[in-house]
Amino acid sequence: DMRALVLHLPQHGTARGVDQAFVRAVDAGIIVVQAERDNPRGDPDPDVINALPDVPIFRTDEQGTIHMISDGRDLTVAPAR
């Protein structure tokens, strides 16, 4: 069982770093992509983003710092901006 509430995409969301079968197996309710805004490689890869499941996706390149707060039962996720 590989399910998780949150999945942090590896390799800044590059096509070579994300295995879609793994993403489906994790079956996360939230996905976080950490990438620098206007990075020279163009991460995250648009094809990777478009292939992600229909769940909330938080991206540091678009939203800045992502805050995750949990009381042990509930999780709140929000961008800092």
PDB file of N, CA and C in Angstrom:
ATOM      1  N   ASP A   1       0.853  -1.179   0.000  1.00  0.00           N
ATOM      2  CA  ASP A   1       0.000   0.000   0.000  1.00  0.00           C
ATOM      3  C   ASP A   1       0.890   1.231   0.000  1.00  0.00           C
ATOM      4  N   MET A   2       0.819   2.008  -1.043  1.00  0.00           N
ATOM      5  CA  MET A   2       1.670   3.194  -1.180  1.00  0.00           C
ATOM      6  C   MET A   2       0.888   4.489  -1.044  1.00  0.00           C
ATOM      7  N   ARG A   3      -0.365   4.405  -0.662  1.00  0.00           N
ATOM      8  CA  ARG A   3      -1.179   5.617  -0.592  1.00  0.00           C
ATOM      9  C   ARG A   3      -0.631   6.593   0.442  1.00  0.00           C
ATOM     10  N   ALA A   4      -0.787   7.883   0.128  1.00  0.00           N
ATOM     11  CA  ALA A   4      -0.341   8.943   1.028  1.00  0.00           C
ATOM     12  C   ALA A   4      -1.264  10.139   0.865  1.00  0.00           C
ATOM     13  N   LEU A   5      -1.367  10.920   1.904  1.00  0.00           N
ATOM     14  CA  LEU A   5      -2.182  12.130   1.828  1.00  0.00           C
ATOM     15  C   LEU A   5      -1.529  13.169   0.927  1.00  0.00           C
ATOM     16  N   VAL A   6      -0.189  13.312   1.048  1.00  0.00           N
ATOM     17  CA  VAL A   6       0.544  14.323   0.282  1.00  0.00           C
ATOM     18  C   VAL A   6       1.656  13.641  -0.504  1.00  0.00           C
ATOM     19  N   LEU A   7       1.803  14.033  -1.763  1.00  0.00           N
ATOM     20  CA  LEU A   7       2.919  13.583  -2.585  1.00  0.00           C
ATOM     21  C   LEU A   7       3.730  14.791  -3.005  1.00  0.00           C
ATOM     22  N   HIS A   8       5.016  14.776  -2.690  1.00  0.00           N
ATOM     23  CA  HIS A   8       5.942  15.801  -3.153  1.00  0.00           C
ATOM     24  C   HIS A   8       6.606  15.233  -4.400  1.00  0.00           C
ATOM     25  N   LEU A   9       6.339  15.849  -5.558  1.00  0.00           N
ATOM     26  CA  LEU A   9       6.908  15.316  -6.799  1.00  0.00           C
ATOM     27  C   LEU A   9       8.430  15.397  -6.775  1.00  0.00           C
ATOM     28  N   PRO A  10       9.095  14.353  -7.229  1.00  0.00           N
ATOM     29  CA  PRO A  10      10.553  14.376  -7.272  1.00  0.00           C
ATOM     30  C   PRO A  10      11.066  15.217  -8.441  1.00  0.00           C
ATOM     31  N   GLN A  11      12.331  15.590  -8.354  1.00  0.00           N
ATOM     32  CA  GLN A  11      13.058  16.255  -9.445  1.00  0.00           C
ATOM     33  C   GLN A  11      12.351  17.484  -9.992  1.00  0.00           C
ATOM     34  N   HIS A  12      11.705  18.253  -9.128  1.00  0.00           N
ATOM     35  CA  HIS A  12      11.062  19.518  -9.509  1.00  0.00           C
ATOM     36  C   HIS A  12       9.984  19.340 -10.581  1.00  0.00           C
ATOM     37  N   GLY A  13       9.475  18.115 -10.716  1.00  0.00           N
ATOM     38  CA  GLY A  13       8.426  17.862 -11.697  1.00  0.00           C
ATOM     39  C   GLY A  13       8.947  17.657 -13.111  1.00  0.00           C
ATOM     40  N   THR A  14      10.210  17.245 -13.256  1.00  0.00           N
ATOM     41  CA  THR A  14      10.748  16.965 -14.592  1.00  0.00           C
ATOM     42  C   THR A  14      10.188  15.657 -15.120  1.00  0.00           C
ATOM     43  N   ALA A  15      10.099  15.549 -16.425  1.00  0.00           N
ATOM     44  CA  ALA A  15       9.561  14.335 -17.049  1.00  0.00           C
ATOM     45  C   ALA A  15      10.413  13.120 -16.711  1.00  0.00           C
ATOM     46  N   ARG A  16      11.722  13.272 -16.617  1.00  0.00           N
ATOM     47  CA  ARG A  16      12.586  12.128 -16.334  1.00  0.00           C
ATOM     48  C   ARG A  16      12.547  11.722 -14.859  1.00  0.00           C
ATOM     49  N   GLY A  17      11.997  12.566 -14.000  1.00  0.00           N
ATOM     50  CA  GLY A  17      11.989  12.275 -12.578  1.00  0.00           C
ATOM     51  C   GLY A  17      10.659  11.801 -12.022  1.00  0.00           C
ATOM     52  N   VAL A  18       9.606  11.864 -12.841  1.00  0.00           N
ATOM     53  CA  VAL A  18       8.270  11.520 -12.351  1.00  0.00           C
ATOM     54  C   VAL A  18       7.740  10.313 -13.121  1.00  0.00           C
ATOM     55  N   ASP A  19       7.447   9.270 -12.391  1.00  0.00           N
ATOM     56  CA  ASP A  19       6.860   8.056 -12.968  1.00  0.00           C
ATOM     57  C   ASP A  19       5.359   8.105 -12.703  1.00  0.00           C
ATOM     58  N   GLN A  20       4.576   8.204 -13.759  1.00  0.00           N
ATOM     59  CA  GLN A  20       3.123   8.347 -13.602  1.00  0.00           C
ATOM     60  C   GLN A  20       2.498   7.137 -12.912  1.00  0.00           C
ATOM     61  N   ALA A  21       3.059   5.952 -13.103  1.00  0.00           N
ATOM     62  CA  ALA A  21       2.527   4.768 -12.408  1.00  0.00           C
ATOM     63  C   ALA A  21       2.721   4.924 -10.902  1.00  0.00           C
ATOM     64  N   PHE A  22       3.840   5.494 -10.490  1.00  0.00           N
ATOM     65  CA  PHE A  22       4.097   5.747  -9.075  1.00  0.00           C
ATOM     66  C   PHE A  22       3.095   6.772  -8.540  1.00  0.00           C
ATOM     67  N   VAL A  23       2.886   7.841  -9.293  1.00  0.00           N
ATOM     68  CA  VAL A  23       1.936   8.880  -8.869  1.00  0.00           C
ATOM     69  C   VAL A  23       0.551   8.262  -8.668  1.00  0.00           C
ATOM     70  N   ARG A  24       0.123   7.416  -9.595  1.00  0.00           N
ATOM     71  CA  ARG A  24      -1.192   6.762  -9.462  1.00  0.00           C
ATOM     72  C   ARG A  24      -1.217   5.820  -8.264  1.00  0.00           C
ATOM     73  N   ALA A  25      -0.112   5.106  -8.022  1.00  0.00           N
ATOM     74  CA  ALA A  25      -0.059   4.151  -6.903  1.00  0.00           C
ATOM     75  C   ALA A  25      -0.139   4.870  -5.556  1.00  0.00           C
ATOM     76  N   VAL A  26       0.473   6.034  -5.463  1.00  0.00           N
ATOM     77  CA  VAL A  26       0.438   6.805  -4.212  1.00  0.00           C
ATOM     78  C   VAL A  26      -0.966   7.330  -3.951  1.00  0.00           C
ATOM     79  N   ASP A  27      -1.672   7.686  -5.017  1.00  0.00           N
ATOM     80  CA  ASP A  27      -3.067   8.110  -4.901  1.00  0.00           C
ATOM     81  C   ASP A  27      -3.240   9.219  -3.861  1.00  0.00           C
ATOM     82  N   ALA A  28      -2.369  10.215  -3.931  1.00  0.00           N
ATOM     83  CA  ALA A  28      -2.371  11.310  -2.952  1.00  0.00           C
ATOM     84  C   ALA A  28      -3.576  12.227  -3.136  1.00  0.00           C
ATOM     85  N   GLY A  29      -3.975  12.828  -2.045  1.00  0.00           N
ATOM     86  CA  GLY A  29      -5.059  13.801  -2.075  1.00  0.00           C
ATOM     87  C   GLY A  29      -4.568  15.200  -2.372  1.00  0.00           C
ATOM     88  N   ILE A  30      -3.257  15.416  -2.236  1.00  0.00           N
ATOM     89  CA  ILE A  30      -2.627  16.717  -2.470  1.00  0.00           C
ATOM     90  C   ILE A  30      -1.265  16.443  -3.104  1.00  0.00           C
ATOM     91  N   ILE A  31      -0.897  17.267  -4.090  1.00  0.00           N
ATOM     92  CA  ILE A  31       0.421  17.144  -4.709  1.00  0.00           C
ATOM     93  C   ILE A  31       1.149  18.470  -4.568  1.00  0.00           C
ATOM     94  N   VAL A  32       2.425  18.392  -4.183  1.00  0.00           N
ATOM     95  CA  VAL A  32       3.270  19.574  -4.049  1.00  0.00           C
ATOM     96  C   VAL A  32       4.411  19.470  -5.064  1.00  0.00           C
ATOM     97  N   VAL A  33       4.630  20.554  -5.790  1.00  0.00           N
ATOM     98  CA  VAL A  33       5.724  20.628  -6.750  1.00  0.00           C
ATOM     99  C   VAL A  33       6.629  21.778  -6.327  1.00  0.00           C
ATOM    100  N   GLN A  34       7.867  21.450  -6.046  1.00  0.00           N
ATOM    101  CA  GLN A  34       8.833  22.467  -5.647  1.00  0.00           C
ATOM    102  C   GLN A  34       9.726  22.786  -6.830  1.00  0.00           C
ATOM    103  N   ALA A  35       9.589  23.997  -7.352  1.00  0.00           N
ATOM    104  CA  ALA A  35      10.391  24.443  -8.486  1.00  0.00           C
ATOM    105  C   ALA A  35      10.596  25.944  -8.379  1.00  0.00           C
ATOM    106  N   GLU A  36      11.717  26.390  -8.879  1.00  0.00           N
ATOM    107  CA  GLU A  36      12.045  27.815  -8.846  1.00  0.00           C
ATOM    108  C   GLU A  36      11.287  28.544  -9.951  1.00  0.00           C
ATOM    109  N   ARG A  37      10.784  29.716  -9.637  1.00  0.00           N
ATOM    110  CA  ARG A  37      10.089  30.527 -10.636  1.00  0.00           C
ATOM    111  C   ARG A  37      11.066  30.905 -11.753  1.00  0.00           C
ATOM    112  N   ASP A  38      10.608  30.817 -13.002  1.00  0.00           N
ATOM    113  CA  ASP A  38      11.407  31.181 -14.181  1.00  0.00           C
ATOM    114  C   ASP A  38      12.740  30.453 -14.242  1.00  0.00           C
ATOM    115  N   ASN A  39      12.761  29.189 -13.839  1.00  0.00           N
ATOM    116  CA  ASN A  39      14.011  28.441 -13.884  1.00  0.00           C
ATOM    117  C   ASN A  39      14.376  28.143 -15.338  1.00  0.00           C
ATOM    118  N   PRO A  40      15.663  28.050 -15.642  1.00  0.00           N
ATOM    119  CA  PRO A  40      16.102  27.903 -17.030  1.00  0.00           C
ATOM    120  C   PRO A  40      15.686  26.590 -17.697  1.00  0.00           C
ATOM    121  N   ARG A  41      15.401  25.553 -16.933  1.00  0.00           N
ATOM    122  CA  ARG A  41      15.007  24.271 -17.524  1.00  0.00           C
ATOM    123  C   ARG A  41      13.501  24.182 -17.779  1.00  0.00           C
ATOM    124  N   GLY A  42      12.751  25.134 -17.285  1.00  0.00           N
ATOM    125  CA  GLY A  42      11.311  25.123 -17.517  1.00  0.00           C
ATOM    126  C   GLY A  42      10.540  24.175 -16.632  1.00  0.00           C
ATOM    127  N   ASP A  43      11.135  23.780 -15.508  1.00  0.00           N
ATOM    128  CA  ASP A  43      10.446  22.887 -14.577  1.00  0.00           C
ATOM    129  C   ASP A  43       9.328  23.633 -13.864  1.00  0.00           C
ATOM    130  N   PRO A  44       8.263  22.961 -13.541  1.00  0.00           N
ATOM    131  CA  PRO A  44       7.954  21.576 -13.839  1.00  0.00           C
ATOM    132  C   PRO A  44       7.527  21.415 -15.293  1.00  0.00           C
ATOM    133  N   ASP A  45       7.700  20.214 -15.802  1.00  0.00           N
ATOM    134  CA  ASP A  45       7.362  19.907 -17.190  1.00  0.00           C
ATOM    135  C   ASP A  45       5.848  20.005 -17.363  1.00  0.00           C
ATOM    136  N   PRO A  46       5.379  20.790 -18.337  1.00  0.00           N
ATOM    137  CA  PRO A  46       3.928  20.930 -18.536  1.00  0.00           C
ATOM    138  C   PRO A  46       3.226  19.593 -18.777  1.00  0.00           C
ATOM    139  N   ASP A  47       3.876  18.658 -19.453  1.00  0.00           N
ATOM    140  CA  ASP A  47       3.260  17.346 -19.684  1.00  0.00           C
ATOM    141  C   ASP A  47       3.061  16.586 -18.376  1.00  0.00           C
ATOM    142  N   VAL A  48       4.006  16.738 -17.449  1.00  0.00           N
ATOM    143  CA  VAL A  48       3.874  16.095 -16.132  1.00  0.00           C
ATOM    144  C   VAL A  48       2.686  16.696 -15.385  1.00  0.00           C
ATOM    145  N   ILE A  49       2.610  18.015 -15.369  1.00  0.00           N
ATOM    146  CA  ILE A  49       1.514  18.698 -14.662  1.00  0.00           C
ATOM    147  C   ILE A  49       0.169  18.304 -15.263  1.00  0.00           C
ATOM    148  N   ASN A  50       0.086  18.275 -16.589  1.00  0.00           N
ATOM    149  CA  ASN A  50      -1.180  17.933 -17.255  1.00  0.00           C
ATOM    150  C   ASN A  50      -1.597  16.490 -17.018  1.00  0.00           C
ATOM    151  N   ALA A  51      -0.642  15.603 -16.730  1.00  0.00           N
ATOM    152  CA  ALA A  51      -0.954  14.189 -16.510  1.00  0.00           C
ATOM    153  C   ALA A  51      -1.292  13.866 -15.058  1.00  0.00           C
ATOM    154  N   LEU A  52      -1.162  14.845 -14.157  1.00  0.00           N
ATOM    155  CA  LEU A  52      -1.441  14.594 -12.743  1.00  0.00           C
ATOM    156  C   LEU A  52      -2.931  14.377 -12.518  1.00  0.00           C
ATOM    157  N   PRO A  53      -3.265  13.615 -11.477  1.00  0.00           N
ATOM    158  CA  PRO A  53      -4.687  13.398 -11.178  1.00  0.00           C
ATOM    159  C   PRO A  53      -5.377  14.700 -10.770  1.00  0.00           C
ATOM    160  N   ASP A  54      -6.685  14.672 -10.786  1.00  0.00           N
ATOM    161  CA  ASP A  54      -7.487  15.847 -10.455  1.00  0.00           C
ATOM    162  C   ASP A  54      -7.585  16.007  -8.942  1.00  0.00           C
ATOM    163  N   VAL A  55      -6.484  16.489  -8.352  1.00  0.00           N
ATOM    164  CA  VAL A  55      -6.413  16.788  -6.918  1.00  0.00           C
ATOM    165  C   VAL A  55      -5.770  18.168  -6.775  1.00  0.00           C
ATOM    166  N   PRO A  56      -5.878  18.806  -5.621  1.00  0.00           N
ATOM    167  CA  PRO A  56      -5.210  20.092  -5.447  1.00  0.00           C
ATOM    168  C   PRO A  56      -3.694  19.954  -5.660  1.00  0.00           C
ATOM    169  N   ILE A  57      -3.146  20.868  -6.450  1.00  0.00           N
ATOM    170  CA  ILE A  57      -1.708  20.891  -6.727  1.00  0.00           C
ATOM    171  C   ILE A  57      -1.180  22.240  -6.261  1.00  0.00           C
ATOM    172  N   PHE A  58      -0.175  22.192  -5.410  1.00  0.00           N
ATOM    173  CA  PHE A  58       0.461  23.400  -4.897  1.00  0.00           C
ATOM    174  C   PHE A  58       1.854  23.483  -5.501  1.00  0.00           C
ATOM    175  N   ARG A  59       2.171  24.640  -6.115  1.00  0.00           N
ATOM    176  CA  ARG A  59       3.440  24.816  -6.815  1.00  0.00           C
ATOM    177  C   ARG A  59       4.186  26.023  -6.257  1.00  0.00           C
ATOM    178  N   THR A  60       5.424  25.798  -5.833  1.00  0.00           N
ATOM    179  CA  THR A  60       6.204  26.899  -5.288  1.00  0.00           C
ATOM    180  C   THR A  60       6.593  27.905  -6.361  1.00  0.00           C
ATOM    181  N   ASP A  61       6.697  27.479  -7.628  1.00  0.00           N
ATOM    182  CA  ASP A  61       7.039  28.430  -8.686  1.00  0.00           C
ATOM    183  C   ASP A  61       5.911  29.414  -8.960  1.00  0.00           C
ATOM    184  N   GLU A  62       4.687  29.036  -8.615  1.00  0.00           N
ATOM    185  CA  GLU A  62       3.534  29.921  -8.824  1.00  0.00           C
ATOM    186  C   GLU A  62       3.030  30.561  -7.530  1.00  0.00           C
ATOM    187  N   GLN A  63       3.144  29.832  -6.416  1.00  0.00           N
ATOM    188  CA  GLN A  63       2.527  30.283  -5.172  1.00  0.00           C
ATOM    189  C   GLN A  63       3.514  30.631  -4.074  1.00  0.00           C
ATOM    190  N   GLY A  64       4.803  30.389  -4.292  1.00  0.00           N
ATOM    191  CA  GLY A  64       5.780  30.651  -3.240  1.00  0.00           C
ATOM    192  C   GLY A  64       5.760  29.546  -2.196  1.00  0.00           C
ATOM    193  N   THR A  65       6.158  29.889  -0.992  1.00  0.00           N
ATOM    194  CA  THR A  65       6.229  28.917   0.095  1.00  0.00           C
ATOM    195  C   THR A  65       4.861  28.303   0.368  1.00  0.00           C
ATOM    196  N   ILE A  66       4.864  26.993   0.567  1.00  0.00           N
ATOM    197  CA  ILE A  66       3.631  26.272   0.867  1.00  0.00           C
ATOM    198  C   ILE A  66       3.677  25.862   2.337  1.00  0.00           C
ATOM    199  N   HIS A  67       2.670  26.253   3.098  1.00  0.00           N
ATOM    200  CA  HIS A  67       2.581  25.895   4.516  1.00  0.00           C
ATOM    201  C   HIS A  67       1.657  24.703   4.685  1.00  0.00           C
ATOM    202  N   MET A  68       2.119  23.712   5.447  1.00  0.00           N
ATOM    203  CA  MET A  68       1.289  22.566   5.805  1.00  0.00           C
ATOM    204  C   MET A  68       1.246  22.499   7.317  1.00  0.00           C
ATOM    205  N   ILE A  69       0.041  22.503   7.846  1.00  0.00           N
ATOM    206  CA  ILE A  69      -0.142  22.485   9.294  1.00  0.00           C
ATOM    207  C   ILE A  69      -1.086  21.342   9.641  1.00  0.00           C
ATOM    208  N   SER A  70      -0.686  20.521  10.621  1.00  0.00           N
ATOM    209  CA  SER A  70      -1.517  19.401  11.036  1.00  0.00           C
ATOM    210  C   SER A  70      -1.602  19.345  12.548  1.00  0.00           C
ATOM    211  N   ASP A  71      -2.766  18.952  13.023  1.00  0.00           N
ATOM    212  CA  ASP A  71      -2.944  18.723  14.458  1.00  0.00           C
ATOM    213  C   ASP A  71      -2.894  17.226  14.767  1.00  0.00           C
ATOM    214  N   GLY A  72      -2.450  16.430  13.795  1.00  0.00           N
ATOM    215  CA  GLY A  72      -2.395  14.995  13.943  1.00  0.00           C
ATOM    216  C   GLY A  72      -3.574  14.283  13.327  1.00  0.00           C
ATOM    217  N   ARG A  73      -4.632  15.036  13.039  1.00  0.00           N
ATOM    218  CA  ARG A  73      -5.804  14.453  12.386  1.00  0.00           C
ATOM    219  C   ARG A  73      -6.148  15.196  11.104  1.00  0.00           C
ATOM    220  N   ASP A  74      -6.151  16.494  11.167  1.00  0.00           N
ATOM    221  CA  ASP A  74      -6.521  17.323  10.004  1.00  0.00           C
ATOM    222  C   ASP A  74      -5.276  18.013   9.463  1.00  0.00           C
ATOM    223  N   LEU A  75      -5.261  18.226   8.157  1.00  0.00           N
ATOM    224  CA  LEU A  75      -4.150  18.894   7.496  1.00  0.00           C
ATOM    225  C   LEU A  75      -4.686  20.133   6.772  1.00  0.00           C
ATOM    226  N   THR A  76      -4.048  21.246   6.998  1.00  0.00           N
ATOM    227  CA  THR A  76      -4.355  22.473   6.305  1.00  0.00           C
ATOM    228  C   THR A  76      -3.155  22.827   5.438  1.00  0.00           C
ATOM    229  N   VAL A  77      -3.395  23.103   4.175  1.00  0.00           N
ATOM    230  CA  VAL A  77      -2.335  23.448   3.241  1.00  0.00           C
ATOM    231  C   VAL A  77      -2.694  24.774   2.607  1.00  0.00           C
ATOM    232  N   ALA A  78      -1.733  25.701   2.603  1.00  0.00           N
ATOM    233  CA  ALA A  78      -1.990  27.009   2.009  1.00  0.00           C
ATOM    234  C   ALA A  78      -0.683  27.650   1.586  1.00  0.00           C
ATOM    235  N   PRO A  79      -0.722  28.353   0.466  1.00  0.00           N
ATOM    236  CA  PRO A  79       0.477  29.111   0.078  1.00  0.00           C
ATOM    237  C   PRO A  79       0.674  30.277   1.031  1.00  0.00           C
ATOM    238  N   ALA A  80       1.910  30.715   1.162  1.00  0.00           N
ATOM    239  CA  ALA A  80       2.233  31.815   2.078  1.00  0.00           C
ATOM    240  C   ALA A  80       1.716  33.153   1.568  1.00  0.00           C
ATOM    241  N   ARG A  81       1.542  33.274   0.280  1.00  0.00           N
ATOM    242  CA  ARG A  81       1.116  34.565  -0.285  1.00  0.00           C
ATOM    243  C   ARG A  81      -0.367  34.735  -0.252  1.00  0.00           C
TER     244      ARG A  81
END
